[in-house]
């Protein structure tokens, strides 16, 4: 077991290295500096409070990652097998494994990796706004790399890595970067990679059709993609488990569509029972005052998708359709949380910012004239 002093010194060293690598002409971006300091203090406090039990904080996926690092890779090596390649989550575990050979704490390295992906995502979003003549503001940042993303950087998970690769596929203008994005997403969460491809294809079909009744067409496509995703879940489960398809459960129920609405508002926990959600409803609702981006970002995204300028709607539709198909898959399980929305929140936040600023520029021009 790593002592608190050793853990703290390692965290401090790694934080300094991140800051050094992020320096630009001897200056440091305010957001980057703030999140690195927050990360440093948070990971030390978490370790001081929970010790080695920190891997059970929030999600036991952290325990899975530690088992891969300490048991699976040393004993099994790196098999060139598709199924094991996905299960081993090598895109996040292999770099950590190699650096841990130098004596660094494995869980801390996993957390560092999430911090790095958070900074990568921030830079990616920052460049997106600059590229479209939008000067990034503090509140802009809160919509696409806000509180929930910063919190996730203190945990030994893979969600920020998935979020970065997803955003790379959706918003980066160059095809080679998009290719890296979809491959990275697929290696870490295959069904999300499928959802992204389907979202992109359906958005192009929608744009080609150019339906006269926009809102009605959105409704029809939503129902169709949700059903397609739900059926896809049962077909995929049948293939993976090598069992007959059997009879699928009902997918068009009030409960399922209530969960869809709850997803957009970051309130998934209200639709799940105690076997899935351990914290009280009061506590979880109060956290939404902190993790405001879990509900404000998708809400603003939907408003601009359905109501305002169509300037960004090709990209918005791609994100929306991918989300609906992805929800169709995940809604057939009992597990559903804001973590699953993180890859979409990044692009939703950037597109919401773009919509707000575009609307503001239009209003200013109208009054100016």
Protein backbone atom coordinates (compact mmCIF):
# COMPACT_ATOMS: atom_id res chain seq x y z
CA UNK A 1 0.00 0.00 0.00
CA UNK A 2 1.29 3.44 -0.95
CA UNK A 3 1.61 5.77 2.04
CA UNK A 4 -0.30 9.05 2.04
CA UNK A 5 2.98 10.99 1.90
CA UNK A 6 4.25 9.00 -1.08
CA UNK A 7 0.89 9.29 -2.86
CA UNK A 8 0.79 13.06 -2.24
CA UNK A 9 4.34 13.58 -3.51
CA UNK A 10 3.61 11.56 -6.64
CA UNK A 11 0.43 13.59 -7.23
CA UNK A 12 2.36 16.83 -6.77
CA UNK A 13 5.11 15.73 -9.17
CA UNK A 14 2.61 14.68 -11.84
CA UNK A 15 0.67 17.94 -11.44
CA UNK A 16 3.84 19.97 -11.95
CA UNK A 17 4.66 17.98 -15.08
CA UNK A 18 1.18 18.63 -16.50
CA UNK A 19 1.54 22.37 -15.86
CA UNK A 20 5.00 22.44 -17.46
CA UNK A 21 3.71 20.69 -20.59
CA UNK A 22 0.72 23.07 -20.74
CA UNK A 23 2.78 26.26 -20.52
CA UNK A 24 2.50 28.39 -23.63
CA UNK A 25 5.08 31.15 -23.97
CA UNK A 26 5.62 30.97 -20.20
CA UNK A 27 1.92 31.58 -19.53
CA UNK A 28 -0.69 29.12 -18.31
CA UNK A 29 -4.33 29.01 -19.32
CA UNK A 30 -6.48 29.93 -16.31
CA UNK A 31 -8.82 26.96 -16.76
CA UNK A 32 -5.95 24.49 -17.03
CA UNK A 33 -4.24 25.91 -13.95
CA UNK A 34 -7.46 25.80 -11.93
CA UNK A 35 -8.37 22.21 -12.83
CA UNK A 36 -4.84 20.94 -12.15
CA UNK A 37 -4.86 22.50 -8.67
CA UNK A 38 -8.36 21.16 -8.00
CA UNK A 39 -7.30 17.71 -9.23
CA UNK A 40 -4.19 17.69 -7.03
CA UNK A 41 -6.09 18.61 -3.86
CA UNK A 42 -8.99 16.28 -4.66
CA UNK A 43 -6.98 13.12 -5.37
CA UNK A 44 -4.96 13.63 -2.17
CA UNK A 45 -8.09 14.20 -0.08
CA UNK A 46 -9.80 11.16 -1.61
CA UNK A 47 -6.80 8.98 -0.81
CA UNK A 48 -6.55 10.42 2.72
CA UNK A 49 -10.22 9.61 3.31
CA UNK A 50 -10.58 6.24 1.57
CA UNK A 51 -7.06 4.84 1.12
CA UNK A 52 -7.04 1.81 -1.15
CA UNK A 53 -10.84 1.70 -0.90
CA UNK A 54 -10.93 4.73 -3.20
CA UNK A 55 -11.49 2.37 -6.13
CA UNK A 56 -15.02 1.76 -4.84
CA UNK A 57 -15.89 5.46 -4.73
CA UNK A 58 -18.69 6.29 -7.20
CA UNK A 59 -18.07 3.35 -9.55
CA UNK A 60 -16.52 -0.11 -9.28
CA UNK A 61 -15.16 0.32 -12.82
CA UNK A 62 -12.08 1.63 -11.02
CA UNK A 63 -11.65 -1.79 -9.42
CA UNK A 64 -11.92 -3.41 -12.85
CA UNK A 65 -9.16 -1.17 -14.18
CA UNK A 66 -6.93 -2.03 -11.22
CA UNK A 67 -7.53 -5.76 -11.77
CA UNK A 68 -6.57 -5.38 -15.44
CA UNK A 69 -3.36 -3.59 -14.43
CA UNK A 70 -2.31 -5.83 -11.56
CA UNK A 71 -3.64 -9.24 -12.60
CA UNK A 72 -4.82 -9.51 -16.18
CA UNK A 73 -1.95 -7.86 -18.10
CA UNK A 74 0.90 -9.38 -16.01
CA UNK A 75 -0.62 -12.88 -16.22
CA UNK A 76 -2.28 -12.89 -19.64
CA UNK A 77 -0.13 -10.44 -21.54
CA UNK A 78 -1.69 -8.54 -24.44
CA UNK A 79 -3.60 -11.07 -26.57
CA UNK A 80 -4.42 -10.11 -30.16
CA UNK A 81 -8.04 -11.08 -29.77
CA UNK A 82 -10.85 -8.66 -30.60
CA UNK A 83 -13.05 -9.55 -27.64
CA UNK A 84 -10.16 -9.39 -25.15
CA UNK A 85 -8.87 -6.21 -26.76
CA UNK A 86 -12.16 -4.51 -25.93
CA UNK A 87 -12.43 -6.07 -22.47
CA UNK A 88 -8.88 -5.02 -21.58
CA UNK A 89 -9.60 -1.34 -22.30
CA UNK A 90 -6.00 -1.14 -23.49
CA UNK A 91 -6.28 2.41 -24.73
CA UNK A 92 -6.39 3.58 -21.10
CA UNK A 93 -4.81 0.66 -19.25
CA UNK A 94 -1.66 0.01 -21.29
CA UNK A 95 -0.12 3.50 -20.92
CA UNK A 96 -0.80 3.36 -17.19
CA UNK A 97 0.67 -0.14 -16.92
CA UNK A 98 3.97 0.88 -18.50
CA UNK A 99 4.34 4.02 -16.38
CA UNK A 100 3.43 2.08 -13.23
CA UNK A 101 6.56 -0.03 -13.80
CA UNK A 102 8.54 3.01 -12.64
CA UNK A 103 6.94 2.68 -9.20
CA UNK A 104 4.10 5.18 -9.62
CA UNK A 105 0.70 4.41 -8.11
CA UNK A 106 -1.54 2.79 -10.75
CA UNK A 107 -4.79 4.36 -9.59
CA UNK A 108 -3.16 7.79 -9.46
CA UNK A 109 -1.89 7.31 -13.02
CA UNK A 110 -5.40 6.40 -14.18
CA UNK A 111 -6.65 9.61 -12.60
CA UNK A 112 -3.85 11.58 -14.20
CA UNK A 113 -4.82 10.18 -17.55
CA UNK A 114 -8.37 11.42 -17.08
CA UNK A 115 -7.03 14.87 -16.20
CA UNK A 116 -4.98 14.88 -19.40
CA UNK A 117 -8.01 13.91 -21.47
CA UNK A 118 -10.00 16.68 -19.77
CA UNK A 119 -7.35 19.21 -20.85
CA UNK A 120 -7.27 17.73 -24.37
CA UNK A 121 -11.06 18.10 -24.56
CA UNK A 122 -10.87 21.69 -23.33
CA UNK A 123 -8.29 22.52 -25.99
CA UNK A 124 -10.37 20.78 -28.65
CA UNK A 125 -13.48 22.75 -27.69
CA UNK A 126 -11.54 26.00 -27.34
CA UNK A 127 -10.16 25.59 -30.87
CA UNK A 128 -13.65 24.78 -32.19
CA UNK A 129 -15.01 28.07 -30.84
CA UNK A 130 -12.02 30.09 -32.11
CA UNK A 131 -12.34 28.45 -35.52
CA UNK A 132 -15.92 29.72 -35.71
CA UNK A 133 -15.05 33.25 -34.58
CA UNK A 134 -16.38 32.81 -31.06
CA UNK A 135 -14.20 34.21 -28.30
CA UNK A 136 -14.36 31.65 -25.45
CA UNK A 137 -15.78 32.95 -22.18
CA UNK A 138 -15.87 31.40 -18.70
CA UNK A 139 -19.52 30.39 -18.97
CA UNK A 140 -18.85 28.79 -22.35
CA UNK A 141 -16.34 26.46 -20.74
CA UNK A 142 -18.87 25.51 -18.07
CA UNK A 143 -21.16 24.06 -20.73
CA UNK A 144 -18.73 21.67 -22.40
CA UNK A 145 -16.05 20.90 -19.78
CA UNK A 146 -17.92 21.90 -16.66
CA UNK A 147 -18.28 20.52 -13.12
CA UNK A 148 -19.18 16.93 -14.03
CA UNK A 149 -16.10 16.64 -16.26
CA UNK A 150 -13.81 18.11 -13.60
CA UNK A 151 -15.22 15.71 -11.00
CA UNK A 152 -14.70 12.72 -13.30
CA UNK A 153 -11.02 13.65 -13.69
CA UNK A 154 -10.48 12.76 -10.02
CA UNK A 155 -11.66 9.16 -10.58
CA UNK A 156 -9.81 6.22 -12.16
CA UNK A 157 -12.34 5.71 -14.95
CA UNK A 158 -12.32 5.96 -18.77
CA UNK A 159 -15.21 8.38 -19.35
CA UNK A 160 -13.15 11.47 -20.20
CA UNK A 161 -11.08 9.46 -22.65
CA UNK A 162 -14.30 8.32 -24.32
CA UNK A 163 -15.60 11.90 -24.25
CA UNK A 164 -12.48 13.22 -25.96
CA UNK A 165 -12.48 10.65 -28.76
CA UNK A 166 -16.22 11.14 -29.30
CA UNK A 167 -15.83 14.91 -29.56
CA UNK A 168 -12.84 14.44 -31.87
CA UNK A 169 -15.03 12.44 -34.25
CA UNK A 170 -17.93 14.88 -34.12
CA UNK A 171 -16.39 18.36 -34.17
CA UNK A 172 -12.91 18.10 -35.66
CA UNK A 173 -12.88 19.27 -39.30
CA UNK A 174 -10.13 16.91 -40.53
CA UNK A 175 -10.98 13.36 -41.60
CA UNK A 176 -7.83 11.78 -40.15
CA UNK A 177 -8.73 13.16 -36.71
CA UNK A 178 -12.28 11.91 -37.11
CA UNK A 179 -10.91 8.47 -37.91
CA UNK A 180 -8.78 8.49 -34.75
CA UNK A 181 -11.84 9.63 -32.81
CA UNK A 182 -14.12 6.82 -33.97
CA UNK A 183 -11.44 4.15 -33.47
CA UNK A 184 -10.69 5.42 -29.96
CA UNK A 185 -14.39 5.50 -29.09
CA UNK A 186 -14.98 2.02 -30.48
CA UNK A 187 -12.07 0.52 -28.51
CA UNK A 188 -13.38 1.94 -25.24
CA UNK A 189 -17.15 1.66 -25.77
CA UNK A 190 -18.02 -0.21 -28.98
CA UNK A 191 -21.78 0.41 -28.94
CA UNK A 192 -21.16 4.17 -28.63
CA UNK A 193 -18.92 3.99 -31.70
CA UNK A 194 -21.77 2.31 -33.59
CA UNK A 195 -24.17 5.00 -32.37
CA UNK A 196 -21.87 7.77 -33.61
CA UNK A 197 -21.65 6.27 -37.09
CA UNK A 198 -25.42 5.77 -37.28
CA UNK A 199 -26.00 9.32 -36.04
CA UNK A 200 -23.72 10.72 -38.75
CA UNK A 201 -25.35 8.65 -41.51
CA UNK A 202 -28.93 9.43 -40.46
CA UNK A 203 -28.16 13.15 -40.15
CA UNK A 204 -26.92 13.15 -43.76
CA UNK A 205 -30.07 11.32 -44.87
CA UNK A 206 -32.19 13.85 -42.99
CA UNK A 207 -30.34 16.74 -44.64
CA UNK A 208 -30.76 15.12 -48.06
CA UNK A 209 -34.50 14.63 -47.60
CA UNK A 210 -35.00 18.16 -46.22
CA UNK A 211 -38.41 17.37 -44.73
CA UNK A 212 -40.98 20.15 -44.98
CA UNK A 213 -42.33 19.60 -41.47
CA UNK A 214 -39.13 19.74 -39.43
CA UNK A 215 -40.51 19.00 -35.95
CA UNK A 216 -42.72 16.16 -37.15
CA UNK A 217 -39.77 14.64 -39.00
CA UNK A 218 -37.63 14.90 -35.87
CA UNK A 219 -40.34 13.04 -33.95
CA UNK A 220 -40.56 10.23 -36.52
CA UNK A 221 -36.78 9.83 -36.71
CA UNK A 222 -36.59 9.82 -32.90
CA UNK A 223 -39.09 6.98 -32.59
CA UNK A 224 -37.42 5.03 -35.40
CA UNK A 225 -33.88 5.36 -34.03
CA UNK A 226 -34.97 4.55 -30.49
CA UNK A 227 -36.66 1.38 -31.73
CA UNK A 228 -33.65 0.52 -33.91
CA UNK A 229 -31.33 0.93 -30.91
CA UNK A 230 -33.57 -1.14 -28.64
CA UNK A 231 -33.81 -3.98 -31.13
CA UNK A 232 -30.08 -3.68 -31.75
CA UNK A 233 -29.48 -4.31 -28.05
CA UNK A 234 -31.40 -7.59 -28.11
CA UNK A 235 -29.80 -8.72 -31.37
CA UNK A 236 -26.35 -7.88 -30.04
CA UNK A 237 -27.00 -9.70 -26.77
CA UNK A 238 -28.22 -12.73 -28.69
CA UNK A 239 -25.07 -12.83 -30.83
CA UNK A 240 -22.65 -12.24 -27.94
CA UNK A 241 -24.29 -14.78 -25.66
CA UNK A 242 -24.97 -17.22 -28.50
CA UNK A 243 -28.61 -17.69 -27.54
CA UNK A 244 -31.82 -17.41 -29.52
CA UNK A 245 -33.28 -13.94 -29.89
CA UNK A 246 -36.48 -14.88 -28.14
CA UNK A 247 -39.12 -12.25 -27.44
CA UNK A 248 -37.91 -8.73 -26.80
CA UNK A 249 -39.38 -6.83 -23.87
CA UNK A 250 -41.67 -3.92 -24.58
CA UNK A 251 -39.72 -0.89 -25.79
CA UNK A 252 -42.57 1.57 -26.31
CA UNK A 253 -43.65 2.15 -22.74
CA UNK A 254 -44.31 5.25 -20.66
CA UNK A 255 -41.45 4.23 -18.37
CA UNK A 256 -38.91 4.07 -21.22
CA UNK A 257 -39.87 7.49 -22.57
CA UNK A 258 -39.84 8.93 -19.06
CA UNK A 259 -36.27 7.66 -18.76
CA UNK A 260 -35.45 9.35 -22.08
CA UNK A 261 -36.71 12.70 -20.77
CA UNK A 262 -34.83 12.13 -17.51
CA UNK A 263 -31.65 11.48 -19.51
CA UNK A 264 -31.84 14.88 -21.15
CA UNK A 265 -32.22 16.54 -17.75
CA UNK A 266 -29.53 14.52 -15.96
CA UNK A 267 -32.18 12.97 -13.70
CA UNK A 268 -31.77 9.30 -14.61
CA UNK A 269 -31.65 8.34 -10.92
CA UNK A 270 -35.33 9.26 -10.51
CA UNK A 271 -36.28 6.34 -12.77
CA UNK A 272 -34.05 3.70 -11.14
CA UNK A 273 -34.59 1.64 -8.00
CA UNK A 274 -32.42 1.23 -4.90
CA UNK A 275 -30.56 -1.75 -6.34
CA UNK A 276 -28.95 0.63 -8.84
CA UNK A 277 -28.90 3.95 -6.95
CA UNK A 278 -27.69 3.86 -3.34
CA UNK A 279 -27.80 7.58 -2.48
CA UNK A 280 -31.06 9.27 -1.51
CA UNK A 281 -33.08 11.26 -4.03
CA UNK A 282 -32.58 14.42 -1.96
CA UNK A 283 -28.80 14.05 -2.07
CA UNK A 284 -28.77 13.31 -5.79
CA UNK A 285 -31.05 16.26 -6.58
CA UNK A 286 -28.82 18.57 -4.53
CA UNK A 287 -25.78 17.48 -6.54
CA UNK A 288 -27.46 18.91 -9.65
CA UNK A 289 -26.88 22.35 -8.13
CA UNK A 290 -23.17 21.60 -8.47
CA UNK A 291 -23.23 19.51 -11.66
CA UNK A 292 -25.34 22.06 -13.46
CA UNK A 293 -23.95 21.01 -16.84
CA UNK A 294 -25.67 17.60 -16.59
CA UNK A 295 -29.07 19.23 -17.20
CA UNK A 296 -28.45 22.75 -18.49
CA UNK A 297 -26.22 21.68 -21.38
CA UNK A 298 -28.64 19.15 -22.95
CA UNK A 299 -31.60 21.47 -22.27
CA UNK A 300 -29.98 24.35 -24.17
CA UNK A 301 -28.94 21.96 -26.91
CA UNK A 302 -32.51 20.76 -27.44
CA UNK A 303 -33.88 24.32 -27.42
CA UNK A 304 -31.51 25.36 -30.21
CA UNK A 305 -32.10 22.14 -32.14
CA UNK A 306 -35.86 22.60 -32.23
CA UNK A 307 -36.44 26.35 -32.10
CA UNK A 308 -33.71 28.61 -33.36
CA UNK A 309 -31.33 29.10 -36.30
CA UNK A 310 -30.70 26.10 -38.53
CA UNK A 311 -27.09 27.16 -39.10
CA UNK A 312 -25.72 24.38 -36.89
CA UNK A 313 -28.47 21.85 -37.31
CA UNK A 314 -26.53 19.36 -39.45
CA UNK A 315 -24.10 18.83 -36.57
CA UNK A 316 -26.82 19.06 -33.93
CA UNK A 317 -28.85 16.39 -35.70
CA UNK A 318 -25.80 14.14 -35.87
CA UNK A 319 -25.32 14.41 -32.10
CA UNK A 320 -29.03 14.09 -31.36
CA UNK A 321 -29.62 11.05 -33.55
CA UNK A 322 -26.53 9.32 -32.16
CA UNK A 323 -27.80 10.01 -28.64
CA UNK A 324 -31.26 8.61 -29.36
CA UNK A 325 -29.87 5.42 -30.88
CA UNK A 326 -27.45 5.08 -27.96
CA UNK A 327 -30.33 5.57 -25.51
CA UNK A 328 -32.30 2.89 -27.33
CA UNK A 329 -29.42 0.50 -26.55
CA UNK A 330 -28.76 1.51 -22.94
CA UNK A 331 -32.41 1.88 -21.93
CA UNK A 332 -32.86 -1.87 -22.18
CA UNK A 333 -30.58 -2.31 -19.15
CA UNK A 334 -30.99 -1.23 -15.53
CA UNK A 335 -27.77 0.79 -15.60
CA UNK A 336 -28.13 4.37 -16.68
CA UNK A 337 -26.29 7.41 -15.35
CA UNK A 338 -24.90 10.82 -16.26
CA UNK A 339 -21.56 9.12 -16.97
CA UNK A 340 -23.03 7.68 -20.16
CA UNK A 341 -24.00 11.17 -21.33
CA UNK A 342 -20.54 12.70 -20.94
CA UNK A 343 -19.45 11.99 -24.55
CA UNK A 344 -22.55 13.80 -25.79
CA UNK A 345 -22.42 16.66 -23.26
CA UNK A 346 -19.17 17.94 -24.75
CA UNK A 347 -20.54 18.37 -28.28
CA UNK A 348 -23.95 19.45 -27.00
CA UNK A 349 -22.31 22.16 -24.91
CA UNK A 350 -20.20 23.48 -27.79
CA UNK A 351 -23.19 23.53 -30.14
CA UNK A 352 -25.31 25.27 -27.50
CA UNK A 353 -22.60 27.93 -27.14
CA UNK A 354 -22.42 28.30 -30.92
CA UNK A 355 -26.19 28.71 -31.07
CA UNK A 356 -26.28 31.29 -28.30
CA UNK A 357 -23.49 33.36 -29.80
CA UNK A 358 -24.95 33.09 -33.31
CA UNK A 359 -28.31 34.23 -31.97
CA UNK A 360 -26.66 37.10 -30.11
CA UNK A 361 -24.78 38.25 -33.22
CA UNK A 362 -27.99 38.13 -35.27
CA UNK A 363 -29.89 40.15 -32.65
CA UNK A 364 -27.09 42.70 -32.41
CA UNK A 365 -27.02 43.07 -36.20
CA UNK A 366 -30.79 43.56 -36.36
CA UNK A 367 -30.81 46.24 -33.70
CA UNK A 368 -27.68 47.80 -35.18
CA UNK A 369 -29.32 48.19 -38.54
